[in-house]
Amino acid sequence: ISEETSLKMRRLMRLVVKHGTGRNAAAPGYVVGGKTGTAEKVSGRG
C-alpha cells in the first residue's frame, strides 16, 4: 500500500483506541492504535 494510505490507516487505528471500541487498550503516555475483532466460532454448518 502507499505511504499515504498507511498514514491514513494509522490515524484510523489511533482513533479506535482514542474514541472507539479499543479504548481499553489505551496506555497513558504511549500512542497506541489498533483494531478490535470478535468472531463466533464455527459449529457444524453454523
All heavy atoms as atom14 arrays in JSON, in Angstrom:
{
  "sequence": "ISEETSLKMRRLMRLVVKHGTGRNAAAPGYVVGGKTGTAEKVSGRG",
  "atom14_mask": [
    [1, 1, 1, 1, 1, 1, 1, 1, 0, 0, 0, 0, 0, 0],
    [1, 1, 1, 1, 1, 1, 0, 0, 0, 0, 0, 0, 0, 0],
    [1, 1, 1, 1, 1, 1, 1, 1, 1, 0, 0, 0, 0, 0],
    [1, 1, 1, 1, 1, 1, 1, 1, 1, 0, 0, 0, 0, 0],
    [1, 1, 1, 1, 1, 1, 1, 0, 0, 0, 0, 0, 0, 0],
    [1, 1, 1, 1, 1, 1, 0, 0, 0, 0, 0, 0, 0, 0],
    [1, 1, 1, 1, 1, 1, 1, 1, 0, 0, 0, 0, 0, 0],
    [1, 1, 1, 1, 1, 1, 1, 1, 1, 0, 0, 0, 0, 0],
    [1, 1, 1, 1, 1, 1, 1, 1, 0, 0, 0, 0, 0, 0],
    [1, 1, 1, 1, 1, 1, 1, 1, 1, 1, 1, 0, 0, 0],
    [1, 1, 1, 1, 1, 1, 1, 1, 1, 1, 1, 0, 0, 0],
    [1, 1, 1, 1, 1, 1, 1, 1, 0, 0, 0, 0, 0, 0],
    [1, 1, 1, 1, 1, 1, 1, 1, 0, 0, 0, 0, 0, 0],
    [1, 1, 1, 1, 1, 1, 1, 1, 1, 1, 1, 0, 0, 0],
    [1, 1, 1, 1, 1, 1, 1, 1, 0, 0, 0, 0, 0, 0],
    [1, 1, 1, 1, 1, 1, 1, 0, 0, 0, 0, 0, 0, 0],
    [1, 1, 1, 1, 1, 1, 1, 0, 0, 0, 0, 0, 0, 0],
    [1, 1, 1, 1, 1, 1, 1, 1, 1, 0, 0, 0, 0, 0],
    [1, 1, 1, 1, 1, 1, 1, 1, 1, 1, 0, 0, 0, 0],
    [1, 1, 1, 1, 0, 0, 0, 0, 0, 0, 0, 0, 0, 0],
    [1, 1, 1, 1, 1, 1, 1, 0, 0, 0, 0, 0, 0, 0],
    [1, 1, 1, 1, 0, 0, 0, 0, 0, 0, 0, 0, 0, 0],
    [1, 1, 1, 1, 1, 1, 1, 1, 1, 1, 1, 0, 0, 0],
    [1, 1, 1, 1, 1, 1, 1, 1, 0, 0, 0, 0, 0, 0],
    [1, 1, 1, 1, 1, 0, 0, 0, 0, 0, 0, 0, 0, 0],
    [1, 1, 1, 1, 1, 0, 0, 0, 0, 0, 0, 0, 0, 0],
    [1, 1, 1, 1, 1, 0, 0, 0, 0, 0, 0, 0, 0, 0],
    [1, 1, 1, 1, 1, 1, 1, 0, 0, 0, 0, 0, 0, 0],
    [1, 1, 1, 1, 0, 0, 0, 0, 0, 0, 0, 0, 0, 0],
    [1, 1, 1, 1, 1, 1, 1, 1, 1, 1, 1, 1, 0, 0],
    [1, 1, 1, 1, 1, 1, 1, 0, 0, 0, 0, 0, 0, 0],
    [1, 1, 1, 1, 1, 1, 1, 0, 0, 0, 0, 0, 0, 0],
    [1, 1, 1, 1, 0, 0, 0, 0, 0, 0, 0, 0, 0, 0],
    [1, 1, 1, 1, 0, 0, 0, 0, 0, 0, 0, 0, 0, 0],
    [1, 1, 1, 1, 1, 1, 1, 1, 1, 0, 0, 0, 0, 0],
    [1, 1, 1, 1, 1, 1, 1, 0, 0, 0, 0, 0, 0, 0],
    [1, 1, 1, 1, 0, 0, 0, 0, 0, 0, 0, 0, 0, 0],
    [1, 1, 1, 1, 1, 1, 1, 0, 0, 0, 0, 0, 0, 0],
    [1, 1, 1, 1, 1, 0, 0, 0, 0, 0, 0, 0, 0, 0],
    [1, 1, 1, 1, 1, 1, 1, 1, 1, 0, 0, 0, 0, 0],
    [1, 1, 1, 1, 1, 1, 1, 1, 1, 0, 0, 0, 0, 0],
    [1, 1, 1, 1, 1, 1, 1, 0, 0, 0, 0, 0, 0, 0],
    [1, 1, 1, 1, 1, 1, 0, 0, 0, 0, 0, 0, 0, 0],
    [1, 1, 1, 1, 0, 0, 0, 0, 0, 0, 0, 0, 0, 0],
    [1, 1, 1, 1, 1, 1, 1, 1, 1, 1, 1, 0, 0, 0],
    [1, 1, 1, 1, 0, 0, 0, 0, 0, 0, 0, 0, 0, 0]
  ],
  "atom14_positions": [
    [[0.86, -1.19, 0.0], [0.0, 0.0, 0.0], [0.89, 1.23, 0.0], [2.07, 1.16, 0.34], [-0.98, 0.05, 1.21], [-0.23, 0.09, 2.53], [-1.97, -1.1, 1.15], [-1.13, 0.3, 3.76], [0.0, 0.0, 0.0], [0.0, 0.0, 0.0], [0.0, 0.0, 0.0], [0.0, 0.0, 0.0], [0.0, 0.0, 0.0], [0.0, 0.0, 0.0]],
    [[0.33, 2.37, -0.36], [1.13, 3.6, -0.42], [1.41, 4.12, 0.98], [0.71, 3.79, 1.95], [0.38, 4.67, -1.22], [-0.75, 5.12, -0.49], [0.0, 0.0, 0.0], [0.0, 0.0, 0.0], [0.0, 0.0, 0.0], [0.0, 0.0, 0.0], [0.0, 0.0, 0.0], [0.0, 0.0, 0.0], [0.0, 0.0, 0.0], [0.0, 0.0, 0.0]],
    [[2.42, 4.98, 1.09], [2.73, 5.61, 2.37], [1.55, 6.45, 2.85], [1.26, 6.5, 4.04], [3.98, 6.49, 2.25], [5.26, 5.69, 2.16], [6.49, 6.58, 2.2], [6.55, 7.46, 3.08], [7.36, 6.37, 1.36], [0.0, 0.0, 0.0], [0.0, 0.0, 0.0], [0.0, 0.0, 0.0], [0.0, 0.0, 0.0], [0.0, 0.0, 0.0]],
    [[0.88, 7.1, 1.92], [-0.29, 7.92, 2.27], [-1.4, 7.07, 2.87], [-2.01, 7.44, 3.88], [-0.8, 8.66, 1.03], [-2.0, 9.54, 1.3], [-2.53, 10.21, 0.03], [-1.89, 10.13, -1.02], [-3.61, 10.8, 0.14], [0.0, 0.0, 0.0], [0.0, 0.0, 0.0], [0.0, 0.0, 0.0], [0.0, 0.0, 0.0], [0.0, 0.0, 0.0]],
    [[-1.67, 5.92, 2.27], [-2.69, 5.02, 2.8], [-2.27, 4.5, 4.18], [-3.1, 4.4, 5.09], [-2.95, 3.87, 1.82], [-3.42, 4.41, 0.59], [-3.97, 2.89, 2.37], [0.0, 0.0, 0.0], [0.0, 0.0, 0.0], [0.0, 0.0, 0.0], [0.0, 0.0, 0.0], [0.0, 0.0, 0.0], [0.0, 0.0, 0.0], [0.0, 0.0, 0.0]],
    [[-1.0, 4.19, 4.35], [-0.5, 3.73, 5.64], [-0.73, 4.79, 6.72], [-1.17, 4.47, 7.83], [0.99, 3.39, 5.54], [1.51, 3.02, 6.79], [0.0, 0.0, 0.0], [0.0, 0.0, 0.0], [0.0, 0.0, 0.0], [0.0, 0.0, 0.0], [0.0, 0.0, 0.0], [0.0, 0.0, 0.0], [0.0, 0.0, 0.0], [0.0, 0.0, 0.0]],
    [[-0.45, 6.03, 6.41], [-0.68, 7.11, 7.38], [-2.16, 7.23, 7.73], [-2.52, 7.37, 8.9], [-0.16, 8.45, 6.84], [-0.41, 9.67, 7.72], [0.23, 9.5, 9.1], [0.1, 10.93, 7.05], [0.0, 0.0, 0.0], [0.0, 0.0, 0.0], [0.0, 0.0, 0.0], [0.0, 0.0, 0.0], [0.0, 0.0, 0.0], [0.0, 0.0, 0.0]],
    [[-3.01, 7.14, 6.72], [-4.46, 7.2, 6.98], [-4.91, 6.04, 7.87], [-5.72, 6.22, 8.78], [-5.24, 7.19, 5.67], [-5.14, 8.49, 4.9], [-5.87, 8.42, 3.58], [-5.72, 9.72, 2.82], [-6.38, 9.67, 1.51], [0.0, 0.0, 0.0], [0.0, 0.0, 0.0], [0.0, 0.0, 0.0], [0.0, 0.0, 0.0], [0.0, 0.0, 0.0]],
    [[-4.37, 4.87, 7.63], [-4.73, 3.71, 8.44], [-4.23, 3.86, 9.88], [-4.93, 3.5, 10.82], [-4.17, 2.42, 7.81], [-4.84, 2.05, 6.5], [-6.63, 1.83, 6.64], [-6.72, 0.45, 7.75], [0.0, 0.0, 0.0], [0.0, 0.0, 0.0], [0.0, 0.0, 0.0], [0.0, 0.0, 0.0], [0.0, 0.0, 0.0], [0.0, 0.0, 0.0]],
    [[-3.03, 4.42, 10.04], [-2.53, 4.66, 11.4], [-3.44, 5.64, 12.13], [-3.72, 5.48, 13.32], [-1.1, 5.18, 11.37], [-0.11, 4.11, 11.01], [1.33, 4.44, 11.37], [1.76, 5.78, 11.15], [2.36, 6.21, 10.03], [2.55, 5.39, 9.02], [2.77, 7.45, 9.93], [0.0, 0.0, 0.0], [0.0, 0.0, 0.0], [0.0, 0.0, 0.0]],
    [[-3.89, 6.66, 11.43], [-4.8, 7.63, 12.05], [-6.11, 6.96, 12.45], [-6.63, 7.2, 13.53], [-5.07, 8.78, 11.1], [-3.9, 9.72, 10.94], [-4.18, 10.8, 9.94], [-3.11, 11.77, 9.93], [-2.9, 12.61, 8.95], [-3.69, 12.62, 7.88], [-1.89, 13.46, 9.0], [0.0, 0.0, 0.0], [0.0, 0.0, 0.0], [0.0, 0.0, 0.0]],
    [[-6.64, 6.11, 11.58], [-7.89, 5.42, 11.9], [-7.7, 4.45, 13.06], [-8.56, 4.37, 13.95], [-8.42, 4.68, 10.67], [-8.95, 5.57, 9.55], [-9.23, 4.74, 8.3], [-10.19, 6.32, 10.0], [0.0, 0.0, 0.0], [0.0, 0.0, 0.0], [0.0, 0.0, 0.0], [0.0, 0.0, 0.0], [0.0, 0.0, 0.0], [0.0, 0.0, 0.0]],
    [[-6.59, 3.73, 13.07], [-6.33, 2.8, 14.17], [-6.14, 3.56, 15.49], [-6.57, 3.09, 16.54], [-5.11, 1.94, 13.86], [-5.37, 0.93, 12.74], [-3.91, 0.05, 12.2], [-3.62, -1.01, 13.6], [0.0, 0.0, 0.0], [0.0, 0.0, 0.0], [0.0, 0.0, 0.0], [0.0, 0.0, 0.0], [0.0, 0.0, 0.0], [0.0, 0.0, 0.0]],
    [[-5.54, 4.72, 15.42], [-5.4, 5.54, 16.62], [-6.77, 5.99, 17.11], [-7.06, 6.01, 18.31], [-4.5, 6.75, 16.34], [-4.35, 7.69, 17.5], [-3.65, 7.03, 18.68], [-3.62, 7.96, 19.8], [-3.75, 7.61, 21.06], [-3.9, 6.35, 21.39], [-3.73, 8.51, 22.01], [0.0, 0.0, 0.0], [0.0, 0.0, 0.0], [0.0, 0.0, 0.0]],
    [[-7.63, 6.34, 16.18], [-8.99, 6.76, 16.51], [-9.76, 5.65, 17.23], [-10.54, 5.93, 18.14], [-9.71, 7.18, 15.23], [-10.98, 8.0, 15.36], [-10.71, 9.32, 16.06], [-11.57, 8.25, 13.98], [0.0, 0.0, 0.0], [0.0, 0.0, 0.0], [0.0, 0.0, 0.0], [0.0, 0.0, 0.0], [0.0, 0.0, 0.0], [0.0, 0.0, 0.0]],
    [[-9.53, 4.4, 16.85], [-10.19, 3.26, 17.5], [-9.84, 3.21, 18.99], [-10.69, 2.94, 19.83], [-9.79, 1.92, 16.81], [-10.21, 0.72, 17.63], [-10.38, 1.85, 15.41], [0.0, 0.0, 0.0], [0.0, 0.0, 0.0], [0.0, 0.0, 0.0], [0.0, 0.0, 0.0], [0.0, 0.0, 0.0], [0.0, 0.0, 0.0], [0.0, 0.0, 0.0]],
    [[-8.58, 3.51, 19.32], [-8.16, 3.48, 20.73], [-8.55, 4.76, 21.45], [-8.96, 4.72, 22.61], [-6.64, 3.24, 20.84], [-6.16, 3.37, 22.28], [-6.29, 1.86, 20.29], [0.0, 0.0, 0.0], [0.0, 0.0, 0.0], [0.0, 0.0, 0.0], [0.0, 0.0, 0.0], [0.0, 0.0, 0.0], [0.0, 0.0, 0.0], [0.0, 0.0, 0.0]],
    [[-8.47, 5.86, 20.78], [-8.77, 7.14, 21.44], [-10.26, 7.35, 21.66], [-10.68, 7.81, 22.72], [-8.19, 8.29, 20.6], [-8.28, 9.64, 21.25], [-7.38, 9.75, 22.45], [-7.47, 11.14, 23.05], [-6.78, 11.24, 24.3], [0.0, 0.0, 0.0], [0.0, 0.0, 0.0], [0.0, 0.0, 0.0], [0.0, 0.0, 0.0], [0.0, 0.0, 0.0]],
    [[-11.08, 6.99, 20.68], [-12.51, 7.32, 20.76], [-13.44, 6.15, 20.41], [-14.65, 6.34, 20.36], [-12.84, 8.49, 19.81], [-12.1, 9.73, 20.13], [-12.41, 10.53, 21.2], [-11.01, 10.3, 19.54], [-11.57, 11.56, 21.24], [-10.72, 11.44, 20.24], [0.0, 0.0, 0.0], [0.0, 0.0, 0.0], [0.0, 0.0, 0.0], [0.0, 0.0, 0.0]],
    [[-12.9, 4.97, 20.14], [-13.75, 3.89, 19.66], [-13.77, 2.66, 20.53], [-13.59, 2.73, 21.75], [0.0, 0.0, 0.0], [0.0, 0.0, 0.0], [0.0, 0.0, 0.0], [0.0, 0.0, 0.0], [0.0, 0.0, 0.0], [0.0, 0.0, 0.0], [0.0, 0.0, 0.0], [0.0, 0.0, 0.0], [0.0, 0.0, 0.0], [0.0, 0.0, 0.0]],
    [[-13.95, 1.52, 19.89], [-14.13, 0.25, 20.6], [-12.87, -0.25, 21.27], [-12.93, -1.15, 22.09], [-14.63, -0.83, 19.62], [-13.71, -0.93, 18.53], [-16.03, -0.51, 19.11], [0.0, 0.0, 0.0], [0.0, 0.0, 0.0], [0.0, 0.0, 0.0], [0.0, 0.0, 0.0], [0.0, 0.0, 0.0], [0.0, 0.0, 0.0], [0.0, 0.0, 0.0]],
    [[-11.73, 0.32, 20.95], [-10.46, -0.11, 21.54], [-9.98, 0.76, 22.68], [-8.8, 0.7, 23.05], [0.0, 0.0, 0.0], [0.0, 0.0, 0.0], [0.0, 0.0, 0.0], [0.0, 0.0, 0.0], [0.0, 0.0, 0.0], [0.0, 0.0, 0.0], [0.0, 0.0, 0.0], [0.0, 0.0, 0.0], [0.0, 0.0, 0.0], [0.0, 0.0, 0.0]],
    [[-10.84, 1.55, 23.28], [-10.43, 2.45, 24.36], [-9.72, 1.74, 25.5], [-8.86, 2.31, 26.15], [-11.65, 3.18, 24.93], [-12.21, 4.2, 24.0], [-13.39, 4.9, 24.62], [-13.97, 5.8, 23.65], [-15.17, 6.31, 23.75], [-15.93, 6.02, 24.78], [-15.63, 7.11, 22.82], [0.0, 0.0, 0.0], [0.0, 0.0, 0.0], [0.0, 0.0, 0.0]],
    [[-10.08, 0.5, 25.74], [-9.48, -0.24, 26.85], [-8.03, -0.64, 26.58], [-7.37, -1.2, 27.45], [-10.32, -1.48, 27.19], [-11.64, -1.09, 27.8], [-11.74, -0.15, 28.59], [-12.69, -1.8, 27.43], [0.0, 0.0, 0.0], [0.0, 0.0, 0.0], [0.0, 0.0, 0.0], [0.0, 0.0, 0.0], [0.0, 0.0, 0.0], [0.0, 0.0, 0.0]],
    [[-7.52, -0.36, 25.4], [-6.11, -0.64, 25.07], [-5.23, 0.58, 25.32], [-4.02, 0.5, 25.15], [-5.97, -1.08, 23.62], [0.0, 0.0, 0.0], [0.0, 0.0, 0.0], [0.0, 0.0, 0.0], [0.0, 0.0, 0.0], [0.0, 0.0, 0.0], [0.0, 0.0, 0.0], [0.0, 0.0, 0.0], [0.0, 0.0, 0.0], [0.0, 0.0, 0.0]],
    [[-5.82, 1.68, 25.71], [-5.04, 2.9, 25.94], [-3.98, 2.66, 27.02], [-4.25, 2.01, 28.03], [-5.95, 4.05, 26.35], [0.0, 0.0, 0.0], [0.0, 0.0, 0.0], [0.0, 0.0, 0.0], [0.0, 0.0, 0.0], [0.0, 0.0, 0.0], [0.0, 0.0, 0.0], [0.0, 0.0, 0.0], [0.0, 0.0, 0.0], [0.0, 0.0, 0.0]],
    [[-2.8, 3.16, 26.77], [-1.69, 3.07, 27.71], [-1.19, 4.49, 27.91], [-0.56, 5.05, 27.01], [-0.59, 2.17, 27.16], [0.0, 0.0, 0.0], [0.0, 0.0, 0.0], [0.0, 0.0, 0.0], [0.0, 0.0, 0.0], [0.0, 0.0, 0.0], [0.0, 0.0, 0.0], [0.0, 0.0, 0.0], [0.0, 0.0, 0.0], [0.0, 0.0, 0.0]],
    [[-1.49, 5.1, 29.05], [-1.11, 6.5, 29.27], [0.35, 6.78, 28.92], [1.25, 6.07, 29.36], [-1.39, 6.71, 30.76], [-2.45, 5.71, 31.08], [-2.14, 4.51, 30.21], [0.0, 0.0, 0.0], [0.0, 0.0, 0.0], [0.0, 0.0, 0.0], [0.0, 0.0, 0.0], [0.0, 0.0, 0.0], [0.0, 0.0, 0.0], [0.0, 0.0, 0.0]],
    [[0.55, 7.79, 28.09], [1.88, 8.2, 27.68], [2.37, 7.54, 26.4], [3.38, 7.94, 25.85], [0.0, 0.0, 0.0], [0.0, 0.0, 0.0], [0.0, 0.0, 0.0], [0.0, 0.0, 0.0], [0.0, 0.0, 0.0], [0.0, 0.0, 0.0], [0.0, 0.0, 0.0], [0.0, 0.0, 0.0], [0.0, 0.0, 0.0], [0.0, 0.0, 0.0]],
    [[1.64, 6.52, 25.92], [2.05, 5.81, 24.71], [0.95, 5.91, 23.67], [-0.22, 5.76, 23.97], [2.38, 4.35, 25.04], [3.51, 4.26, 26.03], [3.26, 4.04, 27.37], [4.82, 4.47, 25.63], [4.29, 4.0, 28.3], [5.85, 4.44, 26.54], [5.58, 4.2, 27.88], [6.6, 4.19, 28.78], [0.0, 0.0, 0.0], [0.0, 0.0, 0.0]],
    [[1.34, 6.16, 22.44], [0.38, 6.37, 21.36], [0.08, 5.01, 20.72], [0.82, 4.53, 19.87], [0.92, 7.37, 20.32], [-0.14, 7.69, 19.29], [1.41, 8.64, 21.0], [0.0, 0.0, 0.0], [0.0, 0.0, 0.0], [0.0, 0.0, 0.0], [0.0, 0.0, 0.0], [0.0, 0.0, 0.0], [0.0, 0.0, 0.0], [0.0, 0.0, 0.0]],
    [[-1.01, 4.41, 21.17], [-1.42, 3.08, 20.72], [-2.56, 3.21, 19.73], [-3.46, 4.04, 19.91], [-1.87, 2.21, 21.92], [-2.3, 0.82, 21.46], [-0.76, 2.13, 22.96], [0.0, 0.0, 0.0], [0.0, 0.0, 0.0], [0.0, 0.0, 0.0], [0.0, 0.0, 0.0], [0.0, 0.0, 0.0], [0.0, 0.0, 0.0], [0.0, 0.0, 0.0]],
    [[-2.55, 2.39, 18.7], [-3.66, 2.32, 17.76], [-3.94, 0.87, 17.49], [-3.05, 0.01, 17.62], [0.0, 0.0, 0.0], [0.0, 0.0, 0.0], [0.0, 0.0, 0.0], [0.0, 0.0, 0.0], [0.0, 0.0, 0.0], [0.0, 0.0, 0.0], [0.0, 0.0, 0.0], [0.0, 0.0, 0.0], [0.0, 0.0, 0.0], [0.0, 0.0, 0.0]],
    [[-5.18, 0.54, 17.12], [-5.46, -0.87, 16.9], [-6.81, -1.13, 16.3], [-7.51, -0.22, 15.85], [0.0, 0.0, 0.0], [0.0, 0.0, 0.0], [0.0, 0.0, 0.0], [0.0, 0.0, 0.0], [0.0, 0.0, 0.0], [0.0, 0.0, 0.0], [0.0, 0.0, 0.0], [0.0, 0.0, 0.0], [0.0, 0.0, 0.0], [0.0, 0.0, 0.0]],
    [[-7.19, -2.41, 16.32], [-8.46, -2.86, 15.76], [-8.98, -4.01, 16.59], [-8.26, -4.95, 16.88], [-8.25, -3.31, 14.3], [-9.48, -3.86, 13.63], [-10.52, -2.77, 13.39], [-11.77, -3.3, 12.73], [-12.82, -3.67, 13.68], [0.0, 0.0, 0.0], [0.0, 0.0, 0.0], [0.0, 0.0, 0.0], [0.0, 0.0, 0.0], [0.0, 0.0, 0.0]],
    [[-10.25, -3.91, 16.96], [-10.9, -4.99, 17.7], [-11.4, -6.05, 16.73], [-11.64, -5.78, 15.55], [-12.11, -4.46, 18.5], [-13.02, -3.82, 17.6], [-11.69, -3.48, 19.57], [0.0, 0.0, 0.0], [0.0, 0.0, 0.0], [0.0, 0.0, 0.0], [0.0, 0.0, 0.0], [0.0, 0.0, 0.0], [0.0, 0.0, 0.0], [0.0, 0.0, 0.0]],
    [[-11.57, -7.25, 17.26], [-12.14, -8.33, 16.48], [-12.91, -9.27, 17.38], [-12.44, -9.63, 18.45], [0.0, 0.0, 0.0], [0.0, 0.0, 0.0], [0.0, 0.0, 0.0], [0.0, 0.0, 0.0], [0.0, 0.0, 0.0], [0.0, 0.0, 0.0], [0.0, 0.0, 0.0], [0.0, 0.0, 0.0], [0.0, 0.0, 0.0], [0.0, 0.0, 0.0]],
    [[-14.11, -9.63, 16.95], [-14.92, -10.6, 17.69], [-15.59, -11.5, 16.66], [-16.24, -11.0, 15.74], [-16.0, -9.89, 18.53], [-15.37, -8.92, 19.37], [-16.78, -10.88, 19.38], [0.0, 0.0, 0.0], [0.0, 0.0, 0.0], [0.0, 0.0, 0.0], [0.0, 0.0, 0.0], [0.0, 0.0, 0.0], [0.0, 0.0, 0.0], [0.0, 0.0, 0.0]],
    [[-15.4, -12.8, 16.81], [-15.97, -13.75, 15.85], [-16.6, -14.92, 16.58], [-16.05, -15.4, 17.57], [-14.89, -14.26, 14.91], [0.0, 0.0, 0.0], [0.0, 0.0, 0.0], [0.0, 0.0, 0.0], [0.0, 0.0, 0.0], [0.0, 0.0, 0.0], [0.0, 0.0, 0.0], [0.0, 0.0, 0.0], [0.0, 0.0, 0.0], [0.0, 0.0, 0.0]],
    [[-17.75, -15.34, 16.09], [-18.37, -16.55, 16.62], [-17.65, -17.76, 16.04], [-17.29, -17.77, 14.87], [-19.85, -16.6, 16.25], [-20.66, -15.5, 16.89], [-22.11, -15.46, 16.41], [-22.42, -16.07, 15.36], [-22.91, -14.8, 17.08], [0.0, 0.0, 0.0], [0.0, 0.0, 0.0], [0.0, 0.0, 0.0], [0.0, 0.0, 0.0], [0.0, 0.0, 0.0]],
    [[-17.46, -18.78, 16.86], [-16.78, -19.99, 16.42], [-17.71, -20.84, 15.55], [-18.91, -20.9, 15.79], [-16.28, -20.79, 17.62], [-15.17, -20.06, 18.37], [-14.77, -20.79, 19.61], [-13.9, -21.97, 19.28], [-13.34, -22.59, 20.5], [0.0, 0.0, 0.0], [0.0, 0.0, 0.0], [0.0, 0.0, 0.0], [0.0, 0.0, 0.0], [0.0, 0.0, 0.0]],
    [[-17.12, -21.5, 14.58], [-17.87, -22.38, 13.7], [-18.28, -23.64, 14.46], [-17.5, -24.19, 15.24], [-17.03, -22.76, 12.46], [-17.74, -23.78, 11.6], [-16.68, -21.52, 11.65], [0.0, 0.0, 0.0], [0.0, 0.0, 0.0], [0.0, 0.0, 0.0], [0.0, 0.0, 0.0], [0.0, 0.0, 0.0], [0.0, 0.0, 0.0], [0.0, 0.0, 0.0]],
    [[-19.5, -24.09, 14.19], [-20.01, -25.32, 14.8], [-20.9, -26.02, 13.77], [-21.99, -25.52, 13.46], [-20.81, -25.01, 16.06], [-21.41, -26.18, 16.56], [0.0, 0.0, 0.0], [0.0, 0.0, 0.0], [0.0, 0.0, 0.0], [0.0, 0.0, 0.0], [0.0, 0.0, 0.0], [0.0, 0.0, 0.0], [0.0, 0.0, 0.0], [0.0, 0.0, 0.0]],
    [[-20.42, -27.12, 13.23], [-21.2, -27.81, 12.2], [-21.37, -26.93, 10.98], [-20.41, -26.47, 10.39], [0.0, 0.0, 0.0], [0.0, 0.0, 0.0], [0.0, 0.0, 0.0], [0.0, 0.0, 0.0], [0.0, 0.0, 0.0], [0.0, 0.0, 0.0], [0.0, 0.0, 0.0], [0.0, 0.0, 0.0], [0.0, 0.0, 0.0], [0.0, 0.0, 0.0]],
    [[-22.63, -26.64, 10.64], [-22.91, -25.79, 9.48], [-23.28, -24.37, 9.86], [-23.81, -23.62, 9.06], [-24.05, -26.41, 8.66], [-23.66, -27.71, 8.04], [-24.79, -28.25, 7.22], [-24.37, -29.48, 6.58], [-24.76, -29.85, 5.39], [-25.59, -29.1, 4.71], [-24.33, -30.98, 4.88], [0.0, 0.0, 0.0], [0.0, 0.0, 0.0], [0.0, 0.0, 0.0]],
    [[-23.02, -24.02, 11.11], [-23.36, -22.69, 11.57], [-22.33, -22.17, 12.56], [-21.16, -22.55, 12.5], [0.0, 0.0, 0.0], [0.0, 0.0, 0.0], [0.0, 0.0, 0.0], [0.0, 0.0, 0.0], [0.0, 0.0, 0.0], [0.0, 0.0, 0.0], [0.0, 0.0, 0.0], [0.0, 0.0, 0.0], [0.0, 0.0, 0.0], [0.0, 0.0, 0.0]]
  ]
}
